Amino acid sequence: MTDFPKLSRLFRLQFETVQDAWVLLYPEGMVQLNQSAAEILRRCDGHRHLDDIVIELQTLFGLDGLRAEIEALVQEGQRRGWID
């Protein structure tokens, strides 16, 4: 797993007002994201260290112990090609 996750250039993350949700767009379609997945992927810019993403999201949601969930989404994103 990468320490500085970055959304693949083949994908675009944007908010769709019609669906009232963040989506991940790619040439063949779209993936609608839940709030936590969107917040994680919004921070995968290649500049933030994974540790910083964890700290930022734990602060945002007022929760501790989110590392495993964040790492799991990043790993799944890498497996699916969403994250470089």
PDB file of N, CA and C in Angstrom:
ATOM      1  N   MET A   1       0.850  -1.181   0.000  1.00  0.00           N
ATOM      2  CA  MET A   1       0.000   0.000   0.000  1.00  0.00           C
ATOM      3  C   MET A   1       0.897   1.246   0.000  1.00  0.00           C
ATOM      4  N   THR A   2       0.478   2.238  -0.746  1.00  0.00           N
ATOM      5  CA  THR A   2       1.243   3.466  -0.863  1.00  0.00           C
ATOM      6  C   THR A   2       1.064   4.368   0.361  1.00  0.00           C
ATOM      7  N   ASP A   3       2.109   5.102   0.710  1.00  0.00           N
ATOM      8  CA  ASP A   3       2.037   6.041   1.831  1.00  0.00           C
ATOM      9  C   ASP A   3       1.381   7.358   1.419  1.00  0.00           C
ATOM     10  N   PHE A   4       1.415   7.672   0.114  1.00  0.00           N
ATOM     11  CA  PHE A   4       0.840   8.907  -0.413  1.00  0.00           C
ATOM     12  C   PHE A   4      -0.176   8.549  -1.503  1.00  0.00           C
ATOM     13  N   PRO A   5      -1.360   8.067  -1.101  1.00  0.00           N
ATOM     14  CA  PRO A   5      -2.340   7.628  -2.104  1.00  0.00           C
ATOM     15  C   PRO A   5      -2.790   8.773  -3.002  1.00  0.00           C
ATOM     16  N   LYS A   6      -2.977   8.430  -4.278  1.00  0.00           N
ATOM     17  CA  LYS A   6      -3.394   9.422  -5.268  1.00  0.00           C
ATOM     18  C   LYS A   6      -4.438   8.796  -6.175  1.00  0.00           C
ATOM     19  N   LEU A   7      -5.515   9.531  -6.408  1.00  0.00           N
ATOM     20  CA  LEU A   7      -6.551   9.080  -7.316  1.00  0.00           C
ATOM     21  C   LEU A   7      -5.950   8.938  -8.712  1.00  0.00           C
ATOM     22  N   SER A   8      -6.230   7.835  -9.365  1.00  0.00           N
ATOM     23  CA  SER A   8      -5.731   7.591 -10.711  1.00  0.00           C
ATOM     24  C   SER A   8      -6.243   8.669 -11.656  1.00  0.00           C
ATOM     25  N   ARG A   9      -5.434   9.026 -12.636  1.00  0.00           N
ATOM     26  CA  ARG A   9      -5.843  10.057 -13.600  1.00  0.00           C
ATOM     27  C   ARG A   9      -6.977   9.572 -14.502  1.00  0.00           C
ATOM     28  N   LEU A  10      -7.277   8.292 -14.472  1.00  0.00           N
ATOM     29  CA  LEU A  10      -8.388   7.750 -15.256  1.00  0.00           C
ATOM     30  C   LEU A  10      -9.743   7.969 -14.585  1.00  0.00           C
ATOM     31  N   PHE A  11      -9.719   8.443 -13.339  1.00  0.00           N
ATOM     32  CA  PHE A  11     -10.941   8.632 -12.566  1.00  0.00           C
ATOM     33  C   PHE A  11     -11.078  10.086 -12.140  1.00  0.00           C
ATOM     34  N   ARG A  12     -12.325  10.522 -12.004  1.00  0.00           N
ATOM     35  CA  ARG A  12     -12.584  11.879 -11.533  1.00  0.00           C
ATOM     36  C   ARG A  12     -13.622  11.804 -10.424  1.00  0.00           C
ATOM     37  N   LEU A  13     -13.340  12.481  -9.348  1.00  0.00           N
ATOM     38  CA  LEU A  13     -14.232  12.532  -8.205  1.00  0.00           C
ATOM     39  C   LEU A  13     -15.006  13.841  -8.268  1.00  0.00           C
ATOM     40  N   GLN A  14     -16.347  13.754  -8.214  1.00  0.00           N
ATOM     41  CA  GLN A  14     -17.132  14.984  -8.220  1.00  0.00           C
ATOM     42  C   GLN A  14     -18.450  14.767  -7.491  1.00  0.00           C
ATOM     43  N   PHE A  15     -19.017  15.893  -7.041  1.00  0.00           N
ATOM     44  CA  PHE A  15     -20.304  15.850  -6.357  1.00  0.00           C
ATOM     45  C   PHE A  15     -21.405  16.006  -7.395  1.00  0.00           C
ATOM     46  N   GLU A  16     -22.352  15.068  -7.369  1.00  0.00           N
ATOM     47  CA  GLU A  16     -23.500  15.103  -8.276  1.00  0.00           C
ATOM     48  C   GLU A  16     -24.712  15.587  -7.486  1.00  0.00           C
ATOM     49  N   THR A  17     -25.171  16.796  -7.786  1.00  0.00           N
ATOM     50  CA  THR A  17     -26.298  17.360  -7.046  1.00  0.00           C
ATOM     51  C   THR A  17     -27.584  16.571  -7.269  1.00  0.00           C
ATOM     52  N   VAL A  18     -27.768  16.031  -8.457  1.00  0.00           N
ATOM     53  CA  VAL A  18     -28.985  15.255  -8.748  1.00  0.00           C
ATOM     54  C   VAL A  18     -29.072  14.049  -7.822  1.00  0.00           C
ATOM     55  N   GLN A  19     -27.939  13.416  -7.567  1.00  0.00           N
ATOM     56  CA  GLN A  19     -27.917  12.235  -6.696  1.00  0.00           C
ATOM     57  C   GLN A  19     -27.635  12.598  -5.243  1.00  0.00           C
ATOM     58  N   ASP A  20     -27.267  13.870  -5.012  1.00  0.00           N
ATOM     59  CA  ASP A  20     -26.899  14.342  -3.678  1.00  0.00           C
ATOM     60  C   ASP A  20     -25.813  13.447  -3.073  1.00  0.00           C
ATOM     61  N   ALA A  21     -24.812  13.145  -3.905  1.00  0.00           N
ATOM     62  CA  ALA A  21     -23.742  12.244  -3.459  1.00  0.00           C
ATOM     63  C   ALA A  21     -22.488  12.484  -4.279  1.00  0.00           C
ATOM     64  N   TRP A  22     -21.351  12.105  -3.689  1.00  0.00           N
ATOM     65  CA  TRP A  22     -20.086  12.098  -4.416  1.00  0.00           C
ATOM     66  C   TRP A  22     -20.045  10.857  -5.287  1.00  0.00           C
ATOM     67  N   VAL A  23     -19.494  11.015  -6.476  1.00  0.00           N
ATOM     68  CA  VAL A  23     -19.351   9.890  -7.390  1.00  0.00           C
ATOM     69  C   VAL A  23     -17.935   9.857  -7.940  1.00  0.00           C
ATOM     70  N   LEU A  24     -17.527   8.687  -8.329  1.00  0.00           N
ATOM     71  CA  LEU A  24     -16.246   8.469  -8.979  1.00  0.00           C
ATOM     72  C   LEU A  24     -16.553   8.145 -10.432  1.00  0.00           C
ATOM     73  N   LEU A  25     -16.154   9.045 -11.331  1.00  0.00           N
ATOM     74  CA  LEU A  25     -16.434   8.883 -12.750  1.00  0.00           C
ATOM     75  C   LEU A  25     -15.244   8.268 -13.462  1.00  0.00           C
ATOM     76  N   TYR A  26     -15.523   7.396 -14.418  1.00  0.00           N
ATOM     77  CA  TYR A  26     -14.484   6.801 -15.250  1.00  0.00           C
ATOM     78  C   TYR A  26     -15.086   6.561 -16.623  1.00  0.00           C
ATOM     79  N   PRO A  27     -14.267   6.288 -17.634  1.00  0.00           N
ATOM     80  CA  PRO A  27     -14.787   6.205 -19.005  1.00  0.00           C
ATOM     81  C   PRO A  27     -15.963   5.241 -19.187  1.00  0.00           C
ATOM     82  N   GLU A  28     -15.988   4.137 -18.457  1.00  0.00           N
ATOM     83  CA  GLU A  28     -17.053   3.148 -18.638  1.00  0.00           C
ATOM     84  C   GLU A  28     -18.250   3.366 -17.738  1.00  0.00           C
ATOM     85  N   GLY A  29     -18.192   4.331 -16.818  1.00  0.00           N
ATOM     86  CA  GLY A  29     -19.330   4.498 -15.932  1.00  0.00           C
ATOM     87  C   GLY A  29     -19.062   5.360 -14.734  1.00  0.00           C
ATOM     88  N   MET A  30     -19.715   4.996 -13.628  1.00  0.00           N
ATOM     89  CA  MET A  30     -19.701   5.806 -12.426  1.00  0.00           C
ATOM     90  C   MET A  30     -19.919   4.911 -11.213  1.00  0.00           C
ATOM     91  N   VAL A  31     -19.295   5.293 -10.102  1.00  0.00           N
ATOM     92  CA  VAL A  31     -19.502   4.615  -8.827  1.00  0.00           C
ATOM     93  C   VAL A  31     -20.022   5.656  -7.850  1.00  0.00           C
ATOM     94  N   GLN A  32     -21.192   5.416  -7.260  1.00  0.00           N
ATOM     95  CA  GLN A  32     -21.700   6.323  -6.230  1.00  0.00           C
ATOM     96  C   GLN A  32     -21.056   5.944  -4.905  1.00  0.00           C
ATOM     97  N   LEU A  33     -20.555   6.935  -4.190  1.00  0.00           N
ATOM     98  CA  LEU A  33     -19.807   6.701  -2.959  1.00  0.00           C
ATOM     99  C   LEU A  33     -20.623   7.082  -1.730  1.00  0.00           C
ATOM    100  N   ASN A  34     -20.415   6.353  -0.656  1.00  0.00           N
ATOM    101  CA  ASN A  34     -21.008   6.792   0.608  1.00  0.00           C
ATOM    102  C   ASN A  34     -20.141   7.918   1.166  1.00  0.00           C
ATOM    103  N   GLN A  35     -20.608   8.563   2.223  1.00  0.00           N
ATOM    104  CA  GLN A  35     -19.915   9.740   2.746  1.00  0.00           C
ATOM    105  C   GLN A  35     -18.481   9.438   3.174  1.00  0.00           C
ATOM    106  N   SER A  36     -18.276   8.351   3.891  1.00  0.00           N
ATOM    107  CA  SER A  36     -16.933   8.068   4.389  1.00  0.00           C
ATOM    108  C   SER A  36     -15.968   7.751   3.246  1.00  0.00           C
ATOM    109  N   ALA A  37     -16.410   6.990   2.251  1.00  0.00           N
ATOM    110  CA  ALA A  37     -15.548   6.688   1.106  1.00  0.00           C
ATOM    111  C   ALA A  37     -15.197   7.965   0.350  1.00  0.00           C
ATOM    112  N   ALA A  38     -16.174   8.842   0.180  1.00  0.00           N
ATOM    113  CA  ALA A  38     -15.917  10.109  -0.510  1.00  0.00           C
ATOM    114  C   ALA A  38     -14.907  10.952   0.252  1.00  0.00           C
ATOM    115  N   GLU A  39     -15.043  11.020   1.571  1.00  0.00           N
ATOM    116  CA  GLU A  39     -14.114  11.823   2.371  1.00  0.00           C
ATOM    117  C   GLU A  39     -12.695  11.265   2.279  1.00  0.00           C
ATOM    118  N   ILE A  40     -12.572   9.950   2.249  1.00  0.00           N
ATOM    119  CA  ILE A  40     -11.245   9.336   2.116  1.00  0.00           C
ATOM    120  C   ILE A  40     -10.664   9.652   0.739  1.00  0.00           C
ATOM    121  N   LEU A  41     -11.428   9.384  -0.322  1.00  0.00           N
ATOM    122  CA  LEU A  41     -10.916   9.590  -1.676  1.00  0.00           C
ATOM    123  C   LEU A  41     -10.643  11.050  -1.984  1.00  0.00           C
ATOM    124  N   ARG A  42     -11.397  11.967  -1.390  1.00  0.00           N
ATOM    125  CA  ARG A  42     -11.147  13.399  -1.601  1.00  0.00           C
ATOM    126  C   ARG A  42      -9.763  13.802  -1.107  1.00  0.00           C
ATOM    127  N   ARG A  43      -9.230  13.044  -0.181  1.00  0.00           N
ATOM    128  CA  ARG A  43      -7.917  13.363   0.386  1.00  0.00           C
ATOM    129  C   ARG A  43      -6.772  12.604  -0.290  1.00  0.00           C
ATOM    130  N   CYS A  44      -7.088  11.733  -1.202  1.00  0.00           N
ATOM    131  CA  CYS A  44      -6.067  10.963  -1.918  1.00  0.00           C
ATOM    132  C   CYS A  44      -5.557  11.786  -3.100  1.00  0.00           C
ATOM    133  N   ASP A  45      -4.699  12.747  -2.787  1.00  0.00           N
ATOM    134  CA  ASP A  45      -4.200  13.690  -3.789  1.00  0.00           C
ATOM    135  C   ASP A  45      -2.722  13.500  -4.117  1.00  0.00           C
ATOM    136  N   GLY A  46      -2.095  12.501  -3.495  1.00  0.00           N
ATOM    137  CA  GLY A  46      -0.677  12.259  -3.733  1.00  0.00           C
ATOM    138  C   GLY A  46       0.242  13.133  -2.904  1.00  0.00           C
ATOM    139  N   HIS A  47      -0.327  14.089  -2.170  1.00  0.00           N
ATOM    140  CA  HIS A  47       0.467  14.995  -1.341  1.00  0.00           C
ATOM    141  C   HIS A  47       0.313  14.696   0.145  1.00  0.00           C
ATOM    142  N   ARG A  48      -0.815  14.123   0.497  1.00  0.00           N
ATOM    143  CA  ARG A  48      -1.073  13.812   1.905  1.00  0.00           C
ATOM    144  C   ARG A  48      -0.578  12.402   2.215  1.00  0.00           C
ATOM    145  N   HIS A  49       0.145  12.292   3.307  1.00  0.00           N
ATOM    146  CA  HIS A  49       0.580  10.988   3.801  1.00  0.00           C
ATOM    147  C   HIS A  49      -0.635  10.281   4.391  1.00  0.00           C
ATOM    148  N   LEU A  50      -0.674   8.965   4.285  1.00  0.00           N
ATOM    149  CA  LEU A  50      -1.785   8.188   4.817  1.00  0.00           C
ATOM    150  C   LEU A  50      -2.018   8.504   6.293  1.00  0.00           C
ATOM    151  N   ASP A  51      -0.955   8.677   7.067  1.00  0.00           N
ATOM    152  CA  ASP A  51      -1.104   9.019   8.488  1.00  0.00           C
ATOM    153  C   ASP A  51      -1.869  10.332   8.661  1.00  0.00           C
ATOM    154  N   ASP A  52      -1.575  11.312   7.804  1.00  0.00           N
ATOM    155  CA  ASP A  52      -2.253  12.610   7.886  1.00  0.00           C
ATOM    156  C   ASP A  52      -3.729  12.486   7.511  1.00  0.00           C
ATOM    157  N   ILE A  53      -4.022  11.638   6.538  1.00  0.00           N
ATOM    158  CA  ILE A  53      -5.418  11.402   6.147  1.00  0.00           C
ATOM    159  C   ILE A  53      -6.185  10.795   7.320  1.00  0.00           C
ATOM    160  N   VAL A  54      -5.577   9.834   7.983  1.00  0.00           N
ATOM    161  CA  VAL A  54      -6.211   9.195   9.140  1.00  0.00           C
ATOM    162  C   VAL A  54      -6.497  10.227  10.226  1.00  0.00           C
ATOM    163  N   ILE A  55      -5.504  11.036  10.560  1.00  0.00           N
ATOM    164  CA  ILE A  55      -5.667  12.046  11.616  1.00  0.00           C
ATOM    165  C   ILE A  55      -6.759  13.044  11.234  1.00  0.00           C
ATOM    166  N   GLU A  56      -6.730  13.505   9.991  1.00  0.00           N
ATOM    167  CA  GLU A  56      -7.705  14.487   9.527  1.00  0.00           C
ATOM    168  C   GLU A  56      -9.130  13.937   9.608  1.00  0.00           C
ATOM    169  N   LEU A  57      -9.322  12.695   9.182  1.00  0.00           N
ATOM    170  CA  LEU A  57     -10.662  12.113   9.191  1.00  0.00           C
ATOM    171  C   LEU A  57     -11.135  11.770  10.602  1.00  0.00           C
ATOM    172  N   GLN A  58     -10.241  11.343  11.457  1.00  0.00           N
ATOM    173  CA  GLN A  58     -10.620  11.081  12.843  1.00  0.00           C
ATOM    174  C   GLN A  58     -11.068  12.375  13.511  1.00  0.00           C
ATOM    175  N   THR A  59     -10.390  13.478  13.185  1.00  0.00           N
ATOM    176  CA  THR A  59     -10.780  14.788  13.714  1.00  0.00           C
ATOM    177  C   THR A  59     -12.125  15.217  13.127  1.00  0.00           C
ATOM    178  N   LEU A  60     -12.289  15.073  11.818  1.00  0.00           N
ATOM    179  CA  LEU A  60     -13.523  15.471  11.147  1.00  0.00           C
ATOM    180  C   LEU A  60     -14.737  14.744  11.717  1.00  0.00           C
ATOM    181  N   PHE A  61     -14.617  13.426  11.900  1.00  0.00           N
ATOM    182  CA  PHE A  61     -15.743  12.628  12.367  1.00  0.00           C
ATOM    183  C   PHE A  61     -15.804  12.502  13.900  1.00  0.00           C
ATOM    184  N   GLY A  62     -14.788  13.011  14.594  1.00  0.00           N
ATOM    185  CA  GLY A  62     -14.767  12.924  16.049  1.00  0.00           C
ATOM    186  C   GLY A  62     -14.665  11.501  16.561  1.00  0.00           C
ATOM    187  N   LEU A  63     -13.935  10.671  15.811  1.00  0.00           N
ATOM    188  CA  LEU A  63     -13.790   9.254  16.161  1.00  0.00           C
ATOM    189  C   LEU A  63     -12.321   8.856  16.155  1.00  0.00           C
ATOM    190  N   ASP A  64     -11.991   7.899  16.975  1.00  0.00           N
ATOM    191  CA  ASP A  64     -10.667   7.284  16.942  1.00  0.00           C
ATOM    192  C   ASP A  64     -10.792   5.909  16.307  1.00  0.00           C
ATOM    193  N   GLY A  65      -9.660   5.342  15.918  1.00  0.00           N
ATOM    194  CA  GLY A  65      -9.660   3.971  15.426  1.00  0.00           C
ATOM    195  C   GLY A  65     -10.156   3.796  14.009  1.00  0.00           C
ATOM    196  N   LEU A  66     -10.010   4.819  13.166  1.00  0.00           N
ATOM    197  CA  LEU A  66     -10.476   4.709  11.784  1.00  0.00           C
ATOM    198  C   LEU A  66      -9.417   4.179  10.819  1.00  0.00           C
ATOM    199  N   ARG A  67      -8.196   3.987  11.300  1.00  0.00           N
ATOM    200  CA  ARG A  67      -7.098   3.581  10.412  1.00  0.00           C
ATOM    201  C   ARG A  67      -7.434   2.330   9.598  1.00  0.00           C
ATOM    202  N   ALA A  68      -7.962   1.310  10.222  1.00  0.00           N
ATOM    203  CA  ALA A  68      -8.237   0.052   9.509  1.00  0.00           C
ATOM    204  C   ALA A  68      -9.241   0.275   8.380  1.00  0.00           C
ATOM    205  N   GLU A  69     -10.291   1.049   8.626  1.00  0.00           N
ATOM    206  CA  GLU A  69     -11.301   1.323   7.598  1.00  0.00           C
ATOM    207  C   GLU A  69     -10.696   2.122   6.443  1.00  0.00           C
ATOM    208  N   ILE A  70      -9.880   3.103   6.776  1.00  0.00           N
ATOM    209  CA  ILE A  70      -9.247   3.936   5.740  1.00  0.00           C
ATOM    210  C   ILE A  70      -8.265   3.108   4.926  1.00  0.00           C
ATOM    211  N   GLU A  71      -7.439   2.327   5.591  1.00  0.00           N
ATOM    212  CA  GLU A  71      -6.487   1.478   4.877  1.00  0.00           C
ATOM    213  C   GLU A  71      -7.213   0.477   3.982  1.00  0.00           C
ATOM    214  N   ALA A  72      -8.319  -0.075   4.466  1.00  0.00           N
ATOM    215  CA  ALA A  72      -9.079  -1.040   3.666  1.00  0.00           C
ATOM    216  C   ALA A  72      -9.625  -0.381   2.402  1.00  0.00           C
ATOM    217  N   LEU A  73     -10.127   0.848   2.515  1.00  0.00           N
ATOM    218  CA  LEU A  73     -10.656   1.519   1.326  1.00  0.00           C
ATOM    219  C   LEU A  73      -9.531   1.859   0.348  1.00  0.00           C
ATOM    220  N   VAL A  74      -8.396   2.303   0.860  1.00  0.00           N
ATOM    221  CA  VAL A  74      -7.257   2.621  -0.010  1.00  0.00           C
ATOM    222  C   VAL A  74      -6.785   1.351  -0.722  1.00  0.00           C
ATOM    223  N   GLN A  75      -6.686   0.257  -0.005  1.00  0.00           N
ATOM    224  CA  GLN A  75      -6.269  -1.003  -0.625  1.00  0.00           C
ATOM    225  C   GLN A  75      -7.274  -1.459  -1.680  1.00  0.00           C
ATOM    226  N   GLU A  76      -8.567  -1.344  -1.383  1.00  0.00           N
ATOM    227  CA  GLU A  76      -9.594  -1.717  -2.354  1.00  0.00           C
ATOM    228  C   GLU A  76      -9.539  -0.785  -3.565  1.00  0.00           C
ATOM    229  N   GLY A  77      -9.303   0.491  -3.311  1.00  0.00           N
ATOM    230  CA  GLY A  77      -9.160   1.456  -4.401  1.00  0.00           C
ATOM    231  C   GLY A  77      -7.971   1.128  -5.291  1.00  0.00           C
ATOM    232  N   GLN A  78      -6.881   0.686  -4.695  1.00  0.00           N
ATOM    233  CA  GLN A  78      -5.713   0.278  -5.487  1.00  0.00           C
ATOM    234  C   GLN A  78      -6.046  -0.981  -6.290  1.00  0.00           C
ATOM    235  N   ARG A  79      -6.728  -1.915  -5.673  1.00  0.00           N
ATOM    236  CA  ARG A  79      -7.092  -3.158  -6.358  1.00  0.00           C
ATOM    237  C   ARG A  79      -7.982  -2.876  -7.568  1.00  0.00           C
ATOM    238  N   ARG A  80      -8.888  -1.922  -7.421  1.00  0.00           N
ATOM    239  CA  ARG A  80      -9.806  -1.590  -8.507  1.00  0.00           C
ATOM    240  C   ARG A  80      -9.228  -0.585  -9.504  1.00  0.00           C
ATOM    241  N   GLY A  81      -8.024  -0.076  -9.216  1.00  0.00           N
ATOM    242  CA  GLY A  81      -7.388   0.872 -10.123  1.00  0.00           C
ATOM    243  C   GLY A  81      -7.785   2.316  -9.905  1.00  0.00           C
ATOM    244  N   TRP A  82      -8.557   2.593  -8.839  1.00  0.00           N
ATOM    245  CA  TRP A  82      -8.962   3.961  -8.551  1.00  0.00           C
ATOM    246  C   TRP A  82      -7.789   4.776  -8.012  1.00  0.00           C
ATOM    247  N   ILE A  83      -6.914   4.129  -7.272  1.00  0.00           N
ATOM    248  CA  ILE A  83      -5.797   4.797  -6.606  1.00  0.00           C
ATOM    249  C   ILE A  83      -4.485   4.236  -7.124  1.00  0.00           C
ATOM    250  N   ASP A  84      -3.585   5.150  -7.451  1.00  0.00           N
ATOM    251  CA  ASP A  84      -2.233   4.763  -7.888  1.00  0.00           C
ATOM    252  C   ASP A  84      -1.348   4.496  -6.691  1.00  0.00           C
TER     253      ASP A  84
END
